[in-house]
N, C-alpha and C. Protein backbone atom coordinates (compact mmCIF):
# COMPACT_ATOMS: atom_id res chain seq x y z
N MET A 1 126.01 200.27 -218.84
CA MET A 1 124.67 200.65 -219.21
C MET A 1 124.68 202.12 -219.60
N GLU A 2 124.00 202.44 -220.67
CA GLU A 2 123.87 203.83 -221.10
C GLU A 2 122.46 204.32 -220.79
N ILE A 3 122.38 205.56 -220.29
CA ILE A 3 121.09 206.20 -220.01
C ILE A 3 121.10 207.55 -220.71
N LYS A 4 120.07 207.82 -221.50
CA LYS A 4 119.95 209.11 -222.15
C LYS A 4 119.66 210.16 -221.09
N VAL A 5 120.32 211.33 -221.23
CA VAL A 5 120.16 212.39 -220.23
C VAL A 5 120.16 213.75 -220.92
N ILE A 6 119.27 214.61 -220.45
CA ILE A 6 119.30 216.03 -220.81
C ILE A 6 119.74 216.75 -219.55
N ASN A 7 120.73 217.63 -219.70
CA ASN A 7 121.30 218.34 -218.55
C ASN A 7 121.13 219.84 -218.75
N HIS A 8 120.14 220.44 -218.05
CA HIS A 8 119.92 221.88 -218.11
C HIS A 8 120.56 222.61 -216.93
N SER A 9 121.34 221.90 -216.13
CA SER A 9 121.83 222.47 -214.88
C SER A 9 123.07 223.34 -215.03
N GLY A 10 123.84 223.12 -216.08
CA GLY A 10 125.12 223.80 -216.17
C GLY A 10 126.18 223.17 -215.27
N GLN A 11 125.82 222.12 -214.57
CA GLN A 11 126.72 221.39 -213.68
C GLN A 11 127.21 220.12 -214.40
N PRO A 12 128.28 219.51 -213.88
CA PRO A 12 128.70 218.23 -214.46
C PRO A 12 127.60 217.17 -214.31
N LEU A 13 127.59 216.20 -215.20
CA LEU A 13 126.66 215.08 -215.07
C LEU A 13 126.94 214.34 -213.76
N PRO A 14 125.93 213.64 -213.21
CA PRO A 14 126.17 212.84 -212.00
C PRO A 14 127.36 211.92 -212.21
N ALA A 15 128.16 211.78 -211.16
CA ALA A 15 129.39 211.00 -211.29
C ALA A 15 129.62 210.16 -210.05
N TYR A 16 130.30 209.05 -210.24
CA TYR A 16 130.74 208.21 -209.14
C TYR A 16 131.97 208.87 -208.52
N GLN A 17 132.05 208.92 -207.21
CA GLN A 17 133.17 209.57 -206.54
C GLN A 17 134.38 208.65 -206.35
N THR A 18 134.14 207.33 -206.38
CA THR A 18 135.23 206.36 -206.29
C THR A 18 134.95 205.25 -207.31
N PRO A 19 135.96 204.46 -207.68
CA PRO A 19 135.76 203.43 -208.70
C PRO A 19 134.69 202.38 -208.37
N HIS A 20 134.43 202.13 -207.09
CA HIS A 20 133.47 201.08 -206.73
C HIS A 20 132.19 201.64 -206.09
N SER A 21 131.95 202.92 -206.24
CA SER A 21 130.72 203.53 -205.71
C SER A 21 129.50 202.98 -206.43
N ALA A 22 128.41 202.79 -205.69
CA ALA A 22 127.14 202.39 -206.29
C ALA A 22 126.32 203.59 -206.69
N GLY A 23 126.49 204.70 -205.97
CA GLY A 23 125.67 205.89 -206.19
C GLY A 23 126.40 206.98 -206.93
N LEU A 24 125.64 207.66 -207.79
CA LEU A 24 126.13 208.83 -208.52
C LEU A 24 125.62 210.07 -207.79
N ASP A 25 126.49 211.03 -207.54
CA ASP A 25 126.07 212.23 -206.82
C ASP A 25 125.22 213.14 -207.70
N LEU A 26 124.10 213.61 -207.13
CA LEU A 26 123.22 214.58 -207.79
C LEU A 26 123.48 215.95 -207.20
N ARG A 27 123.43 216.98 -208.04
CA ARG A 27 123.69 218.35 -207.62
C ARG A 27 122.44 219.22 -207.72
N ALA A 28 122.36 220.20 -206.83
CA ALA A 28 121.26 221.16 -206.83
C ALA A 28 121.38 222.09 -208.04
N HIS A 29 120.25 222.39 -208.65
CA HIS A 29 120.18 223.35 -209.76
C HIS A 29 119.26 224.48 -209.30
N LEU A 30 119.88 225.53 -208.73
CA LEU A 30 119.13 226.62 -208.12
C LEU A 30 119.55 227.96 -208.69
N SER A 31 118.58 228.87 -208.84
CA SER A 31 118.91 230.23 -209.27
C SER A 31 119.39 231.06 -208.09
N GLU A 32 119.02 230.66 -206.87
CA GLU A 32 119.50 231.31 -205.65
C GLU A 32 119.49 230.28 -204.53
N PRO A 33 120.32 230.47 -203.50
CA PRO A 33 120.37 229.51 -202.39
C PRO A 33 119.01 229.37 -201.69
N VAL A 34 118.79 228.19 -201.11
CA VAL A 34 117.58 227.91 -200.36
C VAL A 34 118.00 227.48 -198.96
N THR A 35 117.42 228.12 -197.94
CA THR A 35 117.73 227.76 -196.56
C THR A 35 116.58 226.98 -195.95
N LEU A 36 116.92 225.82 -195.39
CA LEU A 36 115.94 224.97 -194.70
C LEU A 36 116.10 225.17 -193.21
N GLY A 37 115.00 225.55 -192.54
CA GLY A 37 115.00 225.61 -191.10
C GLY A 37 114.78 224.22 -190.52
N THR A 38 114.78 224.13 -189.21
CA THR A 38 114.56 222.86 -188.54
C THR A 38 113.22 222.25 -188.98
N LEU A 39 113.25 221.00 -189.38
CA LEU A 39 112.10 220.21 -189.83
C LEU A 39 111.44 220.74 -191.10
N GLU A 40 112.06 221.68 -191.78
CA GLU A 40 111.53 222.13 -193.06
C GLU A 40 111.98 221.20 -194.17
N ARG A 41 111.18 221.15 -195.22
CA ARG A 41 111.53 220.34 -196.38
C ARG A 41 111.40 221.20 -197.63
N VAL A 42 112.16 220.83 -198.65
CA VAL A 42 112.13 221.56 -199.91
C VAL A 42 112.41 220.60 -201.05
N LEU A 43 111.72 220.82 -202.16
CA LEU A 43 111.93 220.03 -203.37
C LEU A 43 112.98 220.75 -204.21
N VAL A 44 114.16 220.14 -204.33
CA VAL A 44 115.30 220.78 -204.99
C VAL A 44 115.45 220.21 -206.41
N PRO A 45 115.38 221.07 -207.41
CA PRO A 45 115.57 220.60 -208.79
C PRO A 45 117.03 220.26 -209.06
N THR A 46 117.25 219.38 -210.03
CA THR A 46 118.62 219.01 -210.43
C THR A 46 118.95 219.46 -211.85
N GLY A 47 117.93 219.83 -212.63
CA GLY A 47 118.17 220.19 -214.02
C GLY A 47 118.38 219.00 -214.93
N LEU A 48 118.17 217.79 -214.40
CA LEU A 48 118.39 216.55 -215.16
C LEU A 48 117.07 215.91 -215.56
N TYR A 49 117.04 215.39 -216.78
CA TYR A 49 115.90 214.64 -217.32
C TYR A 49 116.48 213.34 -217.86
N LEU A 50 115.90 212.20 -217.44
CA LEU A 50 116.49 210.90 -217.77
C LEU A 50 115.54 210.05 -218.59
N GLU A 51 116.11 209.16 -219.39
CA GLU A 51 115.35 208.11 -220.07
C GLU A 51 115.93 206.78 -219.61
N ILE A 52 115.34 206.28 -218.55
CA ILE A 52 115.81 205.03 -217.93
C ILE A 52 115.22 203.85 -218.70
N PRO A 53 116.02 202.85 -219.01
CA PRO A 53 115.51 201.70 -219.76
C PRO A 53 114.44 200.93 -218.98
N PRO A 54 113.45 200.35 -219.67
CA PRO A 54 112.45 199.51 -219.01
C PRO A 54 113.14 198.39 -218.22
N GLY A 55 112.58 198.06 -217.06
CA GLY A 55 113.16 197.04 -216.20
C GLY A 55 114.14 197.60 -215.20
N TYR A 56 114.36 198.92 -215.25
CA TYR A 56 115.27 199.59 -214.32
C TYR A 56 114.56 200.76 -213.65
N GLU A 57 115.11 201.20 -212.54
CA GLU A 57 114.65 202.40 -211.84
C GLU A 57 115.88 203.14 -211.36
N ALA A 58 115.71 204.42 -211.06
CA ALA A 58 116.76 205.18 -210.40
C ALA A 58 116.28 205.45 -208.99
N GLN A 59 117.04 205.02 -208.01
CA GLN A 59 116.71 205.25 -206.60
C GLN A 59 117.46 206.48 -206.13
N ILE A 60 116.73 207.43 -205.53
CA ILE A 60 117.34 208.65 -205.01
C ILE A 60 117.49 208.47 -203.51
N ARG A 61 118.73 208.57 -203.04
CA ARG A 61 119.05 208.27 -201.64
C ARG A 61 119.79 209.45 -201.00
N PRO A 62 119.77 209.51 -199.66
CA PRO A 62 120.51 210.57 -198.98
C PRO A 62 122.02 210.40 -199.16
N ARG A 63 122.73 211.50 -199.02
CA ARG A 63 124.20 211.45 -198.94
C ARG A 63 124.55 211.30 -197.48
N SER A 64 125.37 210.32 -197.16
CA SER A 64 125.69 210.05 -195.76
C SER A 64 126.41 211.21 -195.09
N GLY A 65 127.26 211.92 -195.81
CA GLY A 65 127.97 213.05 -195.24
C GLY A 65 127.03 214.17 -194.82
N LEU A 66 126.04 214.50 -195.68
CA LEU A 66 125.06 215.53 -195.32
C LEU A 66 124.21 215.10 -194.14
N ALA A 67 123.85 213.83 -194.10
CA ALA A 67 123.04 213.32 -192.99
C ALA A 67 123.82 213.36 -191.69
N ASN A 68 125.06 212.90 -191.70
CA ASN A 68 125.87 212.84 -190.50
C ASN A 68 126.29 214.23 -190.00
N GLN A 69 126.75 215.06 -190.90
CA GLN A 69 127.30 216.36 -190.51
C GLN A 69 126.25 217.44 -190.30
N HIS A 70 125.12 217.36 -191.04
CA HIS A 70 124.15 218.45 -191.00
C HIS A 70 122.70 218.01 -190.74
N GLY A 71 122.43 216.72 -190.63
CA GLY A 71 121.07 216.25 -190.40
C GLY A 71 120.17 216.41 -191.62
N ILE A 72 120.76 216.47 -192.81
CA ILE A 72 119.99 216.63 -194.05
C ILE A 72 119.78 215.27 -194.68
N THR A 73 118.53 214.92 -194.91
CA THR A 73 118.21 213.62 -195.50
C THR A 73 117.04 213.79 -196.46
N LEU A 74 116.48 212.69 -196.93
CA LEU A 74 115.35 212.72 -197.85
C LEU A 74 114.08 212.30 -197.13
N VAL A 75 112.99 212.98 -197.45
CA VAL A 75 111.70 212.64 -196.85
C VAL A 75 111.25 211.27 -197.33
N ASN A 76 111.36 211.01 -198.60
CA ASN A 76 110.94 209.73 -199.18
C ASN A 76 112.18 208.97 -199.64
N SER A 77 112.76 208.24 -198.72
CA SER A 77 114.01 207.57 -199.05
C SER A 77 113.85 206.07 -199.07
N PRO A 78 114.19 205.41 -200.16
CA PRO A 78 114.65 206.04 -201.39
C PRO A 78 113.47 206.51 -202.24
N GLY A 79 113.70 207.61 -202.94
CA GLY A 79 112.74 208.04 -203.96
C GLY A 79 112.95 207.20 -205.20
N THR A 80 111.93 207.03 -206.00
CA THR A 80 112.03 206.21 -207.20
C THR A 80 111.75 207.03 -208.44
N ILE A 81 112.64 206.95 -209.42
CA ILE A 81 112.41 207.52 -210.74
C ILE A 81 112.12 206.33 -211.65
N ASP A 82 110.89 206.25 -212.14
CA ASP A 82 110.47 205.13 -212.98
C ASP A 82 110.94 205.31 -214.42
N ALA A 83 111.00 204.20 -215.15
CA ALA A 83 111.49 204.21 -216.53
C ALA A 83 110.62 205.04 -217.46
N ASP A 84 109.35 205.23 -217.14
CA ASP A 84 108.48 206.01 -218.03
C ASP A 84 108.35 207.48 -217.62
N TYR A 85 109.07 207.92 -216.59
CA TYR A 85 109.03 209.32 -216.16
C TYR A 85 109.99 210.13 -217.01
N ARG A 86 109.54 211.25 -217.53
CA ARG A 86 110.40 212.10 -218.37
C ARG A 86 110.54 213.52 -217.82
N GLY A 87 110.01 213.78 -216.64
CA GLY A 87 110.14 215.10 -216.04
C GLY A 87 111.50 215.29 -215.38
N GLU A 88 111.69 216.48 -214.82
CA GLU A 88 112.95 216.79 -214.15
C GLU A 88 113.10 215.97 -212.87
N VAL A 89 114.30 215.49 -212.64
CA VAL A 89 114.61 214.80 -211.39
C VAL A 89 114.72 215.86 -210.30
N LYS A 90 113.94 215.67 -209.23
CA LYS A 90 113.97 216.59 -208.09
C LYS A 90 114.19 215.78 -206.83
N VAL A 91 114.78 216.41 -205.82
CA VAL A 91 115.14 215.74 -204.58
C VAL A 91 114.41 216.41 -203.42
N LEU A 92 113.66 215.63 -202.64
CA LEU A 92 112.88 216.15 -201.53
C LEU A 92 113.71 216.08 -200.25
N LEU A 93 114.41 217.19 -199.94
CA LEU A 93 115.28 217.25 -198.76
C LEU A 93 114.50 217.68 -197.52
N VAL A 94 114.97 217.23 -196.35
CA VAL A 94 114.42 217.67 -195.07
C VAL A 94 115.59 217.92 -194.12
N ASN A 95 115.42 218.91 -193.26
CA ASN A 95 116.45 219.26 -192.28
C ASN A 95 116.02 218.72 -190.92
N LEU A 96 116.70 217.70 -190.43
CA LEU A 96 116.38 217.08 -189.15
C LEU A 96 117.26 217.61 -188.02
N SER A 97 118.06 218.62 -188.30
CA SER A 97 118.94 219.18 -187.28
C SER A 97 118.26 220.34 -186.56
N HIS A 98 118.98 220.92 -185.60
CA HIS A 98 118.48 222.09 -184.87
C HIS A 98 119.05 223.38 -185.45
N GLN A 99 119.78 223.28 -186.56
CA GLN A 99 120.41 224.44 -187.20
C GLN A 99 119.87 224.62 -188.62
N PRO A 100 119.68 225.84 -189.06
CA PRO A 100 119.32 226.06 -190.47
C PRO A 100 120.43 225.53 -191.38
N PHE A 101 120.05 225.13 -192.58
CA PHE A 101 121.02 224.62 -193.54
C PHE A 101 120.72 225.25 -194.89
N THR A 102 121.75 225.76 -195.56
CA THR A 102 121.57 226.42 -196.85
C THR A 102 122.06 225.52 -197.97
N VAL A 103 121.18 225.30 -198.95
CA VAL A 103 121.52 224.54 -200.14
C VAL A 103 121.93 225.54 -201.21
N GLU A 104 123.12 225.35 -201.76
CA GLU A 104 123.67 226.24 -202.78
C GLU A 104 123.60 225.57 -204.15
N ASN A 105 123.55 226.37 -205.19
CA ASN A 105 123.60 225.84 -206.55
C ASN A 105 124.86 225.01 -206.73
N GLY A 106 124.72 223.82 -207.32
CA GLY A 106 125.87 222.94 -207.58
C GLY A 106 126.25 222.04 -206.43
N MET A 107 125.63 222.23 -205.25
CA MET A 107 125.94 221.39 -204.08
C MET A 107 125.49 219.96 -204.35
N ARG A 108 126.31 219.00 -203.93
CA ARG A 108 125.92 217.59 -204.02
C ARG A 108 124.91 217.32 -202.92
N ILE A 109 123.67 216.99 -203.30
CA ILE A 109 122.57 216.90 -202.33
C ILE A 109 122.02 215.49 -202.12
N ALA A 110 122.30 214.58 -203.02
CA ALA A 110 121.76 213.22 -202.92
C ALA A 110 122.58 212.32 -203.81
N GLN A 111 122.29 211.04 -203.73
CA GLN A 111 122.93 210.11 -204.65
C GLN A 111 121.86 209.29 -205.36
N MET A 112 122.20 208.85 -206.55
CA MET A 112 121.27 208.09 -207.38
C MET A 112 121.89 206.73 -207.67
N VAL A 113 121.13 205.68 -207.42
CA VAL A 113 121.56 204.32 -207.72
C VAL A 113 120.59 203.76 -208.76
N VAL A 114 121.12 203.30 -209.89
CA VAL A 114 120.28 202.68 -210.92
C VAL A 114 120.24 201.19 -210.63
N ALA A 115 119.01 200.65 -210.56
CA ALA A 115 118.85 199.24 -210.17
C ALA A 115 117.82 198.55 -211.06
N LYS A 116 118.07 197.29 -211.31
CA LYS A 116 117.12 196.44 -212.04
C LYS A 116 115.99 196.07 -211.10
N HIS A 117 114.81 195.91 -211.64
CA HIS A 117 113.68 195.45 -210.83
C HIS A 117 112.82 194.48 -211.64
N GLU A 118 112.03 193.75 -210.94
CA GLU A 118 111.11 192.79 -211.57
C GLU A 118 109.71 193.38 -211.65
N THR A 119 108.92 192.91 -212.58
CA THR A 119 107.52 193.28 -212.68
C THR A 119 106.70 192.11 -212.14
N VAL A 120 105.83 192.40 -211.18
CA VAL A 120 105.06 191.38 -210.49
C VAL A 120 103.82 191.00 -211.30
N VAL A 121 103.55 189.72 -211.35
CA VAL A 121 102.29 189.18 -211.87
C VAL A 121 101.66 188.44 -210.70
N TRP A 122 100.53 188.93 -210.22
CA TRP A 122 99.88 188.34 -209.04
C TRP A 122 99.29 186.98 -209.35
N GLN A 123 99.40 186.08 -208.40
CA GLN A 123 98.81 184.75 -208.49
C GLN A 123 97.86 184.60 -207.30
N PRO A 124 96.59 184.93 -207.47
CA PRO A 124 95.65 184.81 -206.35
C PRO A 124 95.51 183.35 -205.89
N VAL A 125 95.57 183.14 -204.56
CA VAL A 125 95.43 181.82 -203.96
C VAL A 125 94.56 181.94 -202.72
N GLU A 126 94.17 180.83 -202.14
CA GLU A 126 93.36 180.82 -200.92
C GLU A 126 94.21 180.75 -199.65
N GLU A 127 95.43 180.21 -199.78
CA GLU A 127 96.33 180.17 -198.62
C GLU A 127 97.78 180.19 -199.09
N LEU A 128 98.66 180.58 -198.18
CA LEU A 128 100.09 180.64 -198.48
C LEU A 128 100.80 179.47 -197.82
N SER A 129 101.96 179.08 -198.35
CA SER A 129 102.70 177.97 -197.76
C SER A 129 103.20 178.38 -196.37
N PRO A 130 103.21 177.44 -195.42
CA PRO A 130 103.63 177.76 -194.06
C PRO A 130 105.15 177.95 -193.95
N THR A 131 105.55 178.76 -192.97
CA THR A 131 106.97 178.95 -192.65
C THR A 131 107.12 178.89 -191.14
N GLU A 132 108.33 178.75 -190.66
CA GLU A 132 108.57 178.75 -189.22
C GLU A 132 108.15 180.08 -188.58
N ARG A 133 108.39 181.17 -189.27
CA ARG A 133 108.04 182.49 -188.75
C ARG A 133 106.54 182.74 -188.78
N GLY A 134 105.88 182.29 -189.82
CA GLY A 134 104.44 182.50 -189.93
C GLY A 134 104.09 183.96 -190.06
N ALA A 135 103.12 184.42 -189.26
CA ALA A 135 102.65 185.81 -189.34
C ALA A 135 103.39 186.73 -188.38
N GLY A 136 104.46 186.26 -187.74
CA GLY A 136 105.21 187.09 -186.79
C GLY A 136 105.74 188.33 -187.49
N GLY A 137 105.42 189.49 -186.93
CA GLY A 137 105.80 190.76 -187.54
C GLY A 137 106.79 191.53 -186.70
N TYR A 138 106.54 192.81 -186.55
CA TYR A 138 107.45 193.72 -185.86
C TYR A 138 107.85 193.19 -184.50
N GLY A 139 109.15 193.01 -184.30
CA GLY A 139 109.69 192.58 -183.02
C GLY A 139 109.53 191.10 -182.72
N SER A 140 108.99 190.34 -183.66
CA SER A 140 108.71 188.93 -183.35
C SER A 140 109.95 188.05 -183.28
N THR A 141 111.07 188.52 -183.83
CA THR A 141 112.29 187.70 -183.80
C THR A 141 113.21 188.07 -182.65
N GLY A 142 112.76 188.93 -181.75
CA GLY A 142 113.56 189.32 -180.60
C GLY A 142 114.45 190.49 -180.92
N ARG A 143 115.42 190.72 -180.03
CA ARG A 143 116.32 191.86 -180.22
C ARG A 143 117.56 191.47 -180.90
């Protein structure tokens, strides 16, 4: 699949780190480092502008290494970049650790997965077909 991209970051385009990776690493595009204190969040620009084909979305997800080693994750995970969005891709990071964390220009801060999606057409009805589970919600299936 080809996706049109404008790259104002001066960094390499997002890339897969291994042949079978699902996510492409996104890099920070900063004029100066940004330090996140405990429970602080920051919207980090990437310098990327995408033209995603209709019927697809780009999901922005945390990097497992940053989450495990530094407690850095995304506030809205996964974030969604819709096919009709033409603004800059930005990543909403949060620091869940007890230590400050500094984001540097060019740092790999998140991963992006491009996925197909369906468009829903609602069918209003008066009742839904029964299932064994029924209306059982949170915790209803046990531990």
